[in-house]
Protein backbone atom coordinates (compact mmCIF):
# COMPACT_ATOMS: atom_id res chain seq x y z
CA MET A 1 55.14 -105.62 52.32
CA THR A 2 55.57 -106.06 48.62
CA THR A 3 54.72 -103.36 46.14
CA LYS A 4 51.83 -105.50 44.85
CA ASN A 5 50.34 -105.89 48.40
CA LEU A 6 50.85 -102.20 49.10
CA GLY A 7 48.96 -101.30 45.91
CA THR A 8 46.10 -103.61 46.94
CA VAL A 9 45.91 -101.94 50.38
CA ILE A 10 45.86 -98.43 48.82
CA ILE A 11 43.06 -99.45 46.38
CA GLY A 12 41.10 -100.93 49.28
CA LEU A 13 41.40 -97.73 51.33
CA VAL A 14 40.36 -95.60 48.38
CA LEU A 15 37.28 -97.76 47.84
CA ILE A 16 36.36 -97.53 51.53
CA PHE A 17 36.78 -93.72 51.44
CA PHE A 18 34.67 -93.54 48.26
CA VAL A 19 31.81 -95.71 49.65
CA THR A 20 31.82 -93.67 52.94
CA ALA A 21 31.75 -90.40 51.00
CA VAL A 22 28.82 -91.59 48.84
CA ALA A 23 26.91 -92.85 51.89
CA THR A 24 27.49 -89.57 53.64
CA ALA A 25 26.30 -87.56 50.65
CA ALA A 26 23.27 -89.79 50.33
CA ASP A 27 22.45 -89.24 54.02
CA ARG A 28 22.76 -85.46 53.55
CA GLU A 29 20.25 -85.68 50.70
CA ARG A 30 17.68 -87.46 52.90
CA TYR A 31 14.92 -85.04 53.87
CA ASN A 32 12.67 -84.90 56.87
CA VAL A 33 9.04 -84.34 55.81
CA LEU A 34 5.95 -83.74 57.96
CA VAL A 35 2.58 -84.58 56.37
CA VAL A 36 -0.60 -83.34 58.06
CA MET A 37 -3.87 -85.00 56.92
CA SER A 38 -7.31 -83.56 57.62
CA TYR A 39 -8.87 -86.93 58.01
CA ALA A 40 -8.22 -90.36 59.52
CA PRO A 41 -5.88 -92.99 58.07
CA ASP A 42 -8.72 -95.36 57.23
CA TYR A 43 -10.25 -92.84 54.75
CA GLN A 44 -9.43 -94.20 51.27
CA PHE A 45 -8.70 -90.81 49.69
CA VAL A 46 -6.13 -90.22 52.50
CA GLN A 47 -4.57 -93.59 51.68
CA GLU A 48 -4.41 -92.62 47.99
CA ILE A 49 -2.73 -89.30 48.81
CA GLN A 50 -0.25 -91.16 50.97
CA GLU A 51 0.53 -93.51 48.12
CA GLY A 52 1.17 -90.59 45.80
CA ILE A 53 3.47 -88.90 48.31
CA GLU A 54 5.46 -91.99 49.00
CA SER A 55 5.85 -92.77 45.23
CA VAL A 56 7.98 -89.58 45.05
CA LEU A 57 9.55 -89.17 48.47
CA SER A 58 9.97 -92.65 50.06
CA HIS A 59 13.45 -93.20 48.59
CA ASN A 60 14.90 -89.87 49.73
CA SER A 61 12.82 -88.73 52.77
CA ARG A 62 11.80 -89.71 56.27
CA ILE A 63 8.11 -89.05 56.34
CA GLU A 64 6.05 -88.45 59.52
CA TYR A 65 2.26 -88.44 59.29
CA VAL A 66 -0.33 -86.71 61.50
CA TYR A 67 -4.10 -87.28 61.10
CA LEU A 68 -6.50 -84.63 62.43
CA ASP A 69 -9.54 -86.93 61.92
CA THR A 70 -11.88 -83.97 61.42
CA ARG A 71 -14.55 -85.97 59.63
CA ASN A 72 -15.20 -88.08 62.78
CA ASN A 73 -14.37 -85.39 65.32
CA PHE A 74 -14.37 -81.91 63.90
CA ALA A 75 -14.32 -80.26 67.29
CA GLY A 76 -11.17 -82.09 68.22
CA GLY A 77 -9.32 -80.88 65.12
CA PRO A 78 -7.72 -77.69 66.54
CA GLN A 79 -6.26 -79.60 69.50
CA LYS A 80 -4.71 -82.22 67.17
CA ALA A 81 -3.48 -79.39 64.93
CA LYS A 82 -1.73 -77.88 67.97
CA MET A 83 -0.09 -81.28 68.60
CA ALA A 84 0.97 -81.39 64.96
CA TYR A 85 2.69 -78.03 65.42
CA GLU A 86 4.50 -79.26 68.50
CA LEU A 87 5.71 -82.19 66.41
CA TYR A 88 6.80 -79.77 63.71
CA LEU A 89 8.88 -77.86 66.24
CA LYS A 90 10.41 -81.13 67.47
CA LEU A 91 11.23 -82.47 63.99
CA ALA A 92 12.24 -79.16 62.34
CA PRO A 93 11.32 -80.73 59.01
CA ASP A 94 12.80 -79.73 55.65
CA GLY A 95 9.30 -79.51 54.15
CA VAL A 96 5.58 -79.95 55.02
CA ILE A 97 2.62 -81.29 53.06
CA VAL A 98 -0.87 -80.38 54.30
CA ALA A 99 -3.88 -82.21 52.81
CA ASP A 100 -7.49 -81.08 52.42
CA ASP A 101 -9.32 -77.97 53.61
CA ASN A 102 -9.73 -78.49 57.30
CA ALA A 103 -6.01 -78.83 57.92
CA GLN A 104 -5.42 -75.55 56.09
CA SER A 105 -7.63 -73.55 58.43
CA MET A 106 -6.66 -75.48 61.61
CA PHE A 107 -2.95 -76.01 61.01
CA THR A 108 -1.31 -74.14 58.12
CA LEU A 109 -2.92 -70.74 58.71
CA PRO A 110 -2.40 -70.38 62.48
CA TYR A 111 0.97 -72.01 62.69
CA LEU A 112 2.95 -71.99 59.43
CA LYS A 113 1.70 -69.51 56.80
CA GLY A 114 3.97 -66.50 56.89
CA ARG A 115 5.49 -67.58 60.18
CA VAL A 116 8.18 -70.02 59.20
CA GLU A 117 10.60 -70.40 56.27
CA THR A 118 9.85 -74.11 55.80
CA PRO A 119 8.23 -74.77 52.40
CA VAL A 120 4.63 -75.83 52.80
CA ILE A 121 2.76 -77.58 49.97
CA PHE A 122 -1.00 -78.07 50.22
CA CYS A 123 -3.07 -80.62 48.29
CA GLY A 124 -6.73 -81.75 48.22
CA VAL A 125 -8.00 -78.20 48.63
CA ASN A 126 -11.56 -77.73 47.33
CA SER A 127 -11.90 -74.03 48.21
CA ASP A 128 -10.53 -71.18 46.15
CA PRO A 129 -6.90 -70.69 47.17
CA GLU A 130 -7.57 -67.01 47.91
CA LYS A 131 -9.69 -68.07 50.86
CA TYR A 132 -6.48 -69.08 52.65
CA GLY A 133 -4.29 -66.37 51.19
CA TYR A 134 -2.55 -68.80 48.84
CA PRO A 135 -0.08 -68.67 47.36
CA ALA A 136 2.01 -67.22 50.14
CA ALA A 137 5.72 -66.64 50.59
CA ASN A 138 6.11 -70.15 52.03
CA VAL A 139 2.94 -71.86 50.77
CA THR A 140 1.83 -73.22 47.38
CA GLY A 141 0.21 -76.42 46.20
CA VAL A 142 -2.43 -78.43 44.44
CA LEU A 143 -6.19 -77.79 44.22
CA GLU A 144 -8.64 -80.67 44.05
CA ARG A 145 -11.30 -80.35 41.33
CA HIS A 146 -14.04 -82.79 40.20
CA HIS A 147 -14.42 -83.78 36.52
CA VAL A 148 -18.10 -82.90 36.55
CA SER A 149 -18.61 -82.21 32.87
CA GLN A 150 -16.82 -85.37 31.83
CA THR A 151 -18.77 -87.47 34.34
CA LEU A 152 -22.09 -86.09 33.10
CA ALA A 153 -21.06 -86.75 29.50
CA LEU A 154 -20.23 -90.33 30.43
CA ALA A 155 -23.60 -90.75 32.17
CA LYS A 156 -25.43 -89.35 29.12
CA GLN A 157 -23.66 -91.91 26.92
CA LEU A 158 -25.21 -94.57 29.14
CA LEU A 159 -28.57 -92.77 29.59
CA PRO A 160 -29.23 -90.26 26.77
CA THR A 161 -32.47 -89.12 28.44
CA ILE A 162 -30.50 -87.32 31.21
CA ARG A 163 -31.31 -83.60 31.06
CA THR A 164 -30.94 -82.43 34.70
CA PHE A 165 -28.80 -83.29 37.72
CA SER A 166 -28.71 -82.37 41.38
CA VAL A 167 -25.89 -82.69 43.96
CA MET A 168 -25.79 -84.20 47.41
CA GLY A 169 -22.79 -83.92 49.66
CA SER A 170 -22.11 -84.22 53.34
CA ASP A 171 -22.50 -81.10 55.46
CA SER A 172 -18.77 -80.39 55.20
CA LEU A 173 -16.40 -77.68 54.01
CA SER A 174 -15.06 -79.86 51.21
CA ALA A 175 -18.53 -80.74 49.81
CA ARG A 176 -19.76 -77.16 49.98
CA SER A 177 -16.62 -75.84 48.41
CA SER A 178 -16.94 -78.37 45.55
CA VAL A 179 -20.48 -77.18 44.86
CA GLU A 180 -19.33 -73.53 44.71
CA HIS A 181 -17.12 -74.52 41.79
CA PHE A 182 -20.03 -76.44 40.17
CA HIS A 183 -21.92 -73.11 40.06
CA LYS A 184 -18.93 -71.39 38.47
CA GLU A 185 -18.52 -74.14 35.81
CA GLU A 186 -22.19 -74.99 35.07
CA HIS A 187 -22.12 -73.24 31.74
CA THR A 188 -19.85 -76.16 30.58
CA PHE A 189 -22.13 -78.92 31.86
CA PRO A 190 -24.04 -81.09 29.35
CA ALA A 191 -27.03 -81.23 31.81
CA LYS A 192 -28.78 -78.56 33.84
CA PHE A 193 -27.75 -78.12 37.43
CA VAL A 194 -30.95 -77.89 39.48
CA GLY A 195 -29.78 -77.71 43.10
CA ALA A 196 -27.71 -79.10 45.94
CA SER A 197 -28.32 -80.45 49.45
CA PHE A 198 -26.05 -81.11 52.39
CA PRO A 199 -27.58 -83.58 54.89
CA GLY A 200 -26.09 -84.04 58.33
CA THR A 201 -27.99 -87.25 59.20
CA LEU A 202 -29.01 -90.36 57.22
CA ALA A 203 -32.72 -89.51 57.78
CA GLU A 204 -32.13 -86.08 56.18
CA ALA A 205 -30.20 -87.67 53.30
CA LYS A 206 -33.03 -90.10 52.49
CA LYS A 207 -35.68 -87.36 52.70
CA MET A 208 -33.66 -85.05 50.43
CA ALA A 209 -33.03 -87.87 47.95
CA ARG A 210 -36.78 -88.54 47.65
CA GLN A 211 -37.38 -84.86 47.02
CA MET A 212 -34.62 -84.66 44.44
CA ARG A 213 -36.07 -87.61 42.53
CA SER A 214 -38.85 -85.39 41.16
CA THR A 215 -36.52 -82.58 40.07
CA SER A 216 -33.46 -84.32 38.53
CA ASP A 217 -32.59 -87.25 36.32
CA VAL A 218 -29.28 -88.11 38.03
CA LEU A 219 -27.66 -87.32 41.37
CA TYR A 220 -24.01 -86.26 41.58
CA MET A 221 -22.37 -87.06 44.94
CA PRO A 222 -18.98 -85.42 45.55
CA THR A 223 -18.60 -86.95 49.02
CA ILE A 224 -21.08 -88.16 51.61
CA ARG A 225 -18.67 -89.32 54.29
CA GLY A 226 -19.47 -87.90 57.76
CA VAL A 227 -23.29 -88.31 57.63
CA ARG A 228 -24.51 -89.61 61.05
CA ASP A 229 -27.29 -91.81 62.28
CA ASP A 230 -30.05 -90.69 64.63
CA ALA A 231 -27.79 -91.38 67.65
CA GLY A 232 -25.09 -89.06 66.23
CA ASN A 233 -22.70 -91.86 65.19
CA ALA A 234 -20.70 -91.37 61.99
CA LEU A 235 -21.71 -93.81 59.30
CA VAL A 236 -19.46 -95.43 56.69
CA GLU A 237 -19.90 -93.92 53.23
CA LYS A 238 -20.89 -97.27 51.71
CA GLU A 239 -23.92 -97.52 54.02
CA VAL A 240 -25.07 -93.92 53.25
CA VAL A 241 -24.67 -94.43 49.44
CA ALA A 242 -26.81 -97.56 49.57
CA ALA A 243 -29.56 -95.86 51.56
CA VAL A 244 -29.56 -92.73 49.32
CA ALA A 245 -29.56 -94.90 46.16
CA GLN A 246 -32.64 -96.72 47.36
CA ALA A 247 -34.46 -93.49 48.32
CA TYR A 248 -33.54 -91.70 45.09
CA GLY A 249 -34.40 -94.62 42.80
CA LYS A 250 -32.38 -93.21 39.92
CA PRO A 251 -28.66 -93.35 39.05
CA ILE A 252 -26.10 -91.71 41.26
CA ILE A 253 -22.69 -90.63 39.80
CA SER A 254 -19.46 -89.42 41.36
CA GLY A 255 -15.93 -88.21 40.68
CA ASN A 256 -14.43 -90.36 43.43
CA ASN A 257 -12.81 -93.64 42.49
CA TYR A 258 -13.62 -95.38 45.76
CA SER A 259 -17.34 -94.37 45.75
CA ILE A 260 -18.48 -96.06 42.57
CA PRO A 261 -18.34 -99.66 43.85
CA TYR A 262 -20.63 -98.59 46.72
CA GLY A 263 -23.56 -98.56 44.25
CA MET A 264 -23.10 -95.59 41.92
CA LEU A 265 -23.46 -95.85 38.12
CA CYS A 266 -20.32 -94.22 36.83
CA GLY A 267 -17.84 -91.36 36.94
CA VAL A 268 -14.74 -89.79 35.44
CA VAL A 269 -12.72 -89.99 38.62
CA LYS A 270 -9.93 -88.05 40.21
CA THR A 271 -7.38 -89.80 42.43
CA GLY A 272 -5.61 -89.12 45.62
CA GLN A 273 -2.46 -90.55 44.11
CA GLU A 274 -2.34 -87.63 41.61
CA GLN A 275 -2.86 -85.09 44.50
CA GLY A 276 -0.13 -86.68 46.55
CA SER A 277 2.45 -87.15 43.84
CA LEU A 278 1.98 -83.58 42.51
CA ALA A 279 2.39 -82.13 46.02
CA ALA A 280 5.44 -84.31 46.67
CA GLU A 281 7.09 -83.36 43.41
CA MET A 282 6.59 -79.66 44.26
CA LEU A 283 7.94 -80.13 47.73
CA LEU A 284 11.01 -82.05 46.48
CA LYS A 285 11.80 -79.18 44.08
CA ALA A 286 11.38 -76.69 46.97
CA MET A 287 13.63 -78.64 49.32
CA GLN A 288 16.23 -78.80 46.54
CA GLY A 289 16.27 -75.03 46.33
CA THR A 290 13.57 -73.99 43.87
CA PRO A 291 11.88 -70.84 45.11
CA LEU A 292 8.14 -71.31 45.83
CA SER A 293 7.49 -68.30 43.57
CA GLU A 294 8.55 -70.56 40.68
CA LEU A 295 6.10 -73.31 41.78
CA PRO A 296 2.60 -71.84 41.06
CA VAL A 297 -0.61 -73.21 42.44
CA THR A 298 -1.87 -76.04 40.17
CA ARG A 299 -4.71 -78.57 40.09
CA ASN A 300 -5.37 -82.20 39.18
CA ARG A 301 -5.88 -82.89 35.48
CA LYS A 302 -6.08 -86.66 35.04
CA GLY A 303 -9.44 -88.50 34.83
CA LYS A 304 -10.34 -92.13 34.46
CA SER A 305 -13.72 -93.44 33.26
CA VAL A 306 -15.29 -95.97 35.63
CA ILE A 307 -18.64 -97.82 35.13
CA ASN A 308 -20.37 -100.06 37.70
CA VAL A 309 -21.83 -102.93 35.63
CA THR A 310 -24.00 -104.11 38.56
CA VAL A 311 -25.86 -100.79 38.63
CA MET A 312 -25.89 -100.57 34.79
CA LYS A 313 -27.65 -103.96 34.56
CA ALA A 314 -30.02 -103.05 37.37
CA PHE A 315 -31.27 -100.06 35.33
CA GLY A 316 -31.43 -102.18 32.15
CA ILE A 317 -28.72 -100.04 30.42
CA LYS A 318 -27.14 -101.60 27.35
CA PRO A 319 -24.37 -99.23 26.23
CA LYS A 320 -22.72 -99.24 22.84
CA PRO A 321 -19.32 -101.05 22.88
CA ILE A 322 -17.48 -97.77 22.19
CA VAL A 323 -18.67 -96.44 25.60
CA LEU A 324 -16.99 -99.32 27.37
CA ARG A 325 -13.73 -99.08 25.43
CA GLY A 326 -10.93 -97.90 27.70
CA THR A 327 -13.28 -97.79 30.71
CA GLU A 328 -12.65 -99.55 34.00
CA LEU A 329 -15.51 -101.82 34.87
CA VAL A 330 -16.37 -102.48 38.53
CA ARG A 331 -19.15 -104.21 40.45
CA THR A 332 -21.06 -103.14 43.52
CA GLU A 333 -19.34 -104.40 46.63
CA PRO A 334 -21.39 -106.98 48.60
């Protein structure tokens, strides 16, 4: 073998060793992550959270999802949470993300909080973190808060006559927790908060809407998913919003991006993508060695103005051009 050929062989072996070493290092940096969702995979906010998580972790993590589906079957939640824990034991993940309130009480508290060393990051939590004993030695995360003042301010730009507002949410922990924070923040609201209702059925929702029409100028709806028909079947949120809007006869507003095309007037919306990406960024830092004590509980901050032009025209609203500037315009879904 000539000296030239020998040099070529040596260079080739070095390159092979280098590529193998890089691949091995990259494989070592790949994390196993378990994500436990409170709701079903067809719920849009769940899909948004998932998008946010994957925008941060998809290139460096293997992600396993579990859905407790507690909106459609609350009673079955604890059993699914137990199954999620069994999967946790099998996977031995490097980190866990737990989304929304029901999964905190059904999964994180009984199985993980203070019981394992795995970093656990929550997101989508509407309750005060102290309710769950957060932050804990192995738990921190992201609170979910509505942009109520900003949404009311946007609604008043469209309808300056708005003086009062009421709230309607499904009879759920997330909706009731959101309203608790409305009470705490009402001194900042540009309209008077006059009451809240939490219907369990569509008949109750329509009855409450007709009653609220005489006491408020606009109805804020944090979430209405989970309301049932007379036979006990869970209805899709779009159907409930349409029925409530007809019964209320006045504008409905919301802080959820997906709800406004169902027939609501407007909102300064929060997104699941922000919840998911913030939680994933915190978890990535934790898996890379940052102590959870250096990752304090945080909350969503971003808001986007959205106006439904179909509803706006139906109420004969003709806003000034400055109101529409920088605002996303949508139409009611057929």
